[in-house]
Amino acid sequence: MSDNARQPGGKQRGNRKSGENEALLSLYDSLEDLYSILETLDELGIATRDELLAYIDTLDTEVEELESLGSN
């Protein structure tokens, strides 16, 4: 009977460990993504939030212009 009581506890630890590993992998992926974003911003010469917003607005305007050319 004591063996049965121990088994679920062992499974919970295993599941928790698996969940911790998944959480760590997810964090590593997020860090890689963020470093990639920073590298891209550096390549574009964007250093501030305002510069990023201006760049996004410029791209949005260009997309609208291209869409309007395509519909003619």
Protein backbone atom coordinates (compact mmCIF):
# COMPACT_ATOMS: atom_id res chain seq x y z
CA MET A 1 0.00 0.00 0.00
CA SER A 2 2.85 2.38 0.71
CA ASP A 3 4.23 1.73 -2.81
CA ASN A 4 0.96 2.90 -4.35
CA ALA A 5 1.04 6.05 -2.25
CA ARG A 6 4.55 6.85 -3.48
CA GLN A 7 3.92 6.37 -7.18
CA PRO A 8 1.58 9.31 -7.75
CA GLY A 9 4.05 11.57 -5.93
CA GLY A 10 6.81 10.38 -8.22
CA LYS A 11 4.68 11.04 -11.26
CA GLN A 12 3.91 14.54 -10.08
CA ARG A 13 7.59 15.26 -9.65
CA GLY A 14 8.27 13.93 -13.13
CA ASN A 15 5.49 16.06 -14.61
CA ARG A 16 6.69 19.10 -12.71
CA LYS A 17 10.23 18.52 -13.95
CA SER A 18 8.95 18.18 -17.50
CA GLY A 19 6.95 21.39 -17.09
CA GLU A 20 10.01 23.18 -15.75
CA ASN A 21 12.07 22.01 -18.73
CA GLU A 22 9.37 23.23 -21.12
CA ALA A 23 9.24 26.57 -19.32
CA LEU A 24 13.03 26.92 -19.56
CA LEU A 25 13.00 26.06 -23.27
CA SER A 26 10.25 28.60 -23.81
CA LEU A 27 12.26 31.25 -21.98
CA TYR A 28 15.36 30.45 -24.05
CA ASP A 29 13.28 30.77 -27.23
CA SER A 30 11.93 34.11 -26.05
CA LEU A 31 15.42 35.34 -25.26
CA GLU A 32 16.65 34.30 -28.70
CA ASP A 33 13.72 36.12 -30.30
CA LEU A 34 14.41 39.27 -28.29
CA TYR A 35 18.12 39.23 -29.15
CA SER A 36 17.19 38.79 -32.81
CA ILE A 37 14.83 41.76 -32.60
CA LEU A 38 17.55 43.89 -30.98
CA GLU A 39 20.00 42.89 -33.69
CA THR A 40 17.50 43.84 -36.39
CA LEU A 41 16.81 47.19 -34.73
CA ASP A 42 20.56 47.85 -34.59
CA GLU A 43 20.89 46.99 -38.28
CA LEU A 44 18.06 49.41 -39.10
CA GLY A 45 19.61 52.12 -36.93
CA ILE A 46 16.58 52.28 -34.66
CA ALA A 47 17.49 53.24 -31.12
CA THR A 48 14.27 54.59 -29.60
CA ARG A 49 10.61 53.74 -29.44
CA ASP A 50 9.75 56.88 -31.41
CA GLU A 51 12.13 55.85 -34.18
CA LEU A 52 10.52 52.41 -34.29
CA LEU A 53 7.04 53.92 -34.49
CA ALA A 54 8.16 56.24 -37.30
CA TYR A 55 9.66 53.28 -39.16
CA ILE A 56 6.44 51.29 -38.75
CA ASP A 57 4.39 54.25 -40.02
CA THR A 58 6.67 54.55 -43.05
CA LEU A 59 6.29 50.85 -43.84
CA ASP A 60 2.52 51.09 -43.39
CA THR A 61 2.36 53.99 -45.84
CA GLU A 62 4.46 52.08 -48.36
CA VAL A 63 2.21 49.02 -48.06
CA GLU A 64 -0.88 51.18 -48.66
CA GLU A 65 0.75 52.74 -51.72
CA LEU A 66 1.66 49.33 -53.13
CA GLU A 67 -1.84 48.03 -52.49
CA SER A 68 -3.36 50.99 -54.29
CA LEU A 69 -1.06 50.44 -57.28
CA GLY A 70 -2.03 46.79 -57.39
CA SER A 71 -5.75 47.54 -57.45
CA ASN A 72 -5.48 49.85 -60.50
